[in-house]
């Protein structure tokens, strides 16, 4: 079975990704959709850190969600 390569994640990369998807004040809303983000979070194996999966937790916007995860 081929091994997954890990993403080169560091604070700078996470910040850049979060700013890229921050569209809370933009109409029409931009891609990626929350469902796209959720798919990639699950695919990368970090879904346990996604605050939007927690029961009773108010959903976060894209930028805060990526930072928190």
C-alpha atoms as a PDB file:
ATOM      1  CA  UNK A   1       0.000   0.000   0.000  1.00  0.00           C
ATOM      2  CA  UNK A   2       1.514   3.393  -0.950  1.00  0.00           C
ATOM      3  CA  UNK A   3       2.253   5.753   1.899  1.00  0.00           C
ATOM      4  CA  UNK A   4       0.527   9.112   2.018  1.00  0.00           C
ATOM      5  CA  UNK A   5       2.779  12.096   1.711  1.00  0.00           C
ATOM      6  CA  UNK A   6       2.331  14.651   4.417  1.00  0.00           C
ATOM      7  CA  UNK A   7       1.475  18.202   3.527  1.00  0.00           C
ATOM      8  CA  UNK A   8       4.141  20.834   4.232  1.00  0.00           C
ATOM      9  CA  UNK A   9       2.084  22.554   6.904  1.00  0.00           C
ATOM     10  CA  UNK A  10       3.484  25.333   9.000  1.00  0.00           C
ATOM     11  CA  UNK A  11       1.938  28.481  10.426  1.00  0.00           C
ATOM     12  CA  UNK A  12       2.711  30.493   7.281  1.00  0.00           C
ATOM     13  CA  UNK A  13       1.027  27.960   4.981  1.00  0.00           C
ATOM     14  CA  UNK A  14      -2.022  27.684   7.239  1.00  0.00           C
ATOM     15  CA  UNK A  15      -2.345  31.474   7.411  1.00  0.00           C
ATOM     16  CA  UNK A  16      -2.086  31.786   3.628  1.00  0.00           C
ATOM     17  CA  UNK A  17      -4.733  29.106   3.073  1.00  0.00           C
ATOM     18  CA  UNK A  18      -7.050  30.679   5.610  1.00  0.00           C
ATOM     19  CA  UNK A  19      -6.751  34.122   3.994  1.00  0.00           C
ATOM     20  CA  UNK A  20      -7.282  32.610   0.553  1.00  0.00           C
ATOM     21  CA  UNK A  21     -10.732  31.311   1.473  1.00  0.00           C
ATOM     22  CA  UNK A  22     -11.848  34.189   3.705  1.00  0.00           C
ATOM     23  CA  UNK A  23     -14.848  35.458   1.769  1.00  0.00           C
ATOM     24  CA  UNK A  24     -17.276  36.369   4.512  1.00  0.00           C
ATOM     25  CA  UNK A  25     -17.675  39.926   3.185  1.00  0.00           C
ATOM     26  CA  UNK A  26     -17.686  39.092  -0.539  1.00  0.00           C
ATOM     27  CA  UNK A  27     -20.698  38.539  -2.788  1.00  0.00           C
ATOM     28  CA  UNK A  28     -21.063  36.220  -4.527  1.00  0.00           C
ATOM     29  CA  UNK A  29     -19.395  33.725  -2.219  1.00  0.00           C
ATOM     30  CA  UNK A  30     -16.173  32.248  -3.552  1.00  0.00           C
ATOM     31  CA  UNK A  31     -14.920  28.743  -3.858  1.00  0.00           C
ATOM     32  CA  UNK A  32     -14.103  26.520  -2.104  1.00  0.00           C
ATOM     33  CA  UNK A  33     -17.397  25.679  -0.468  1.00  0.00           C
ATOM     34  CA  UNK A  34     -17.486  24.394   3.112  1.00  0.00           C
ATOM     35  CA  UNK A  35     -18.176  20.920   1.709  1.00  0.00           C
ATOM     36  CA  UNK A  36     -14.973  21.158  -0.365  1.00  0.00           C
ATOM     37  CA  UNK A  37     -13.024  22.180   2.724  1.00  0.00           C
ATOM     38  CA  UNK A  38     -14.581  19.342   4.727  1.00  0.00           C
ATOM     39  CA  UNK A  39     -13.584  16.822   2.052  1.00  0.00           C
ATOM     40  CA  UNK A  40      -9.969  18.016   2.040  1.00  0.00           C
ATOM     41  CA  UNK A  41      -9.793  18.088   5.841  1.00  0.00           C
ATOM     42  CA  UNK A  42     -10.994  14.475   5.967  1.00  0.00           C
ATOM     43  CA  UNK A  43      -8.662  13.479   3.134  1.00  0.00           C
ATOM     44  CA  UNK A  44      -5.655  14.940   4.923  1.00  0.00           C
ATOM     45  CA  UNK A  45      -6.438  13.065   8.140  1.00  0.00           C
ATOM     46  CA  UNK A  46      -6.920  16.100  10.378  1.00  0.00           C
ATOM     47  CA  UNK A  47     -10.718  15.892  10.715  1.00  0.00           C
ATOM     48  CA  UNK A  48     -10.384  15.344  14.463  1.00  0.00           C
ATOM     49  CA  UNK A  49      -9.324  18.975  14.801  1.00  0.00           C
ATOM     50  CA  UNK A  50     -12.214  20.407  12.761  1.00  0.00           C
ATOM     51  CA  UNK A  51     -14.358  22.454  15.182  1.00  0.00           C
ATOM     52  CA  UNK A  52     -17.331  22.300  12.790  1.00  0.00           C
ATOM     53  CA  UNK A  53     -17.624  18.567  13.540  1.00  0.00           C
ATOM     54  CA  UNK A  54     -18.193  19.151  17.256  1.00  0.00           C
ATOM     55  CA  UNK A  55     -21.788  18.810  18.433  1.00  0.00           C
ATOM     56  CA  UNK A  56     -23.172  22.018  19.908  1.00  0.00           C
ATOM     57  CA  UNK A  57     -20.290  24.125  18.579  1.00  0.00           C
ATOM     58  CA  UNK A  58     -21.444  27.060  16.455  1.00  0.00           C
ATOM     59  CA  UNK A  59     -20.132  26.681  12.889  1.00  0.00           C
ATOM     60  CA  UNK A  60     -17.035  28.688  12.086  1.00  0.00           C
ATOM     61  CA  UNK A  61     -16.325  30.574   8.876  1.00  0.00           C
ATOM     62  CA  UNK A  62     -13.832  29.182   6.392  1.00  0.00           C
ATOM     63  CA  UNK A  63     -10.835  31.160   7.613  1.00  0.00           C
ATOM     64  CA  UNK A  64     -11.348  30.422  11.320  1.00  0.00           C
ATOM     65  CA  UNK A  65     -12.198  26.811  10.518  1.00  0.00           C
ATOM     66  CA  UNK A  66      -8.912  26.231   8.672  1.00  0.00           C
ATOM     67  CA  UNK A  67      -6.889  27.952  11.363  1.00  0.00           C
ATOM     68  CA  UNK A  68      -8.526  25.906  14.123  1.00  0.00           C
ATOM     69  CA  UNK A  69      -8.172  22.608  12.292  1.00  0.00           C
END
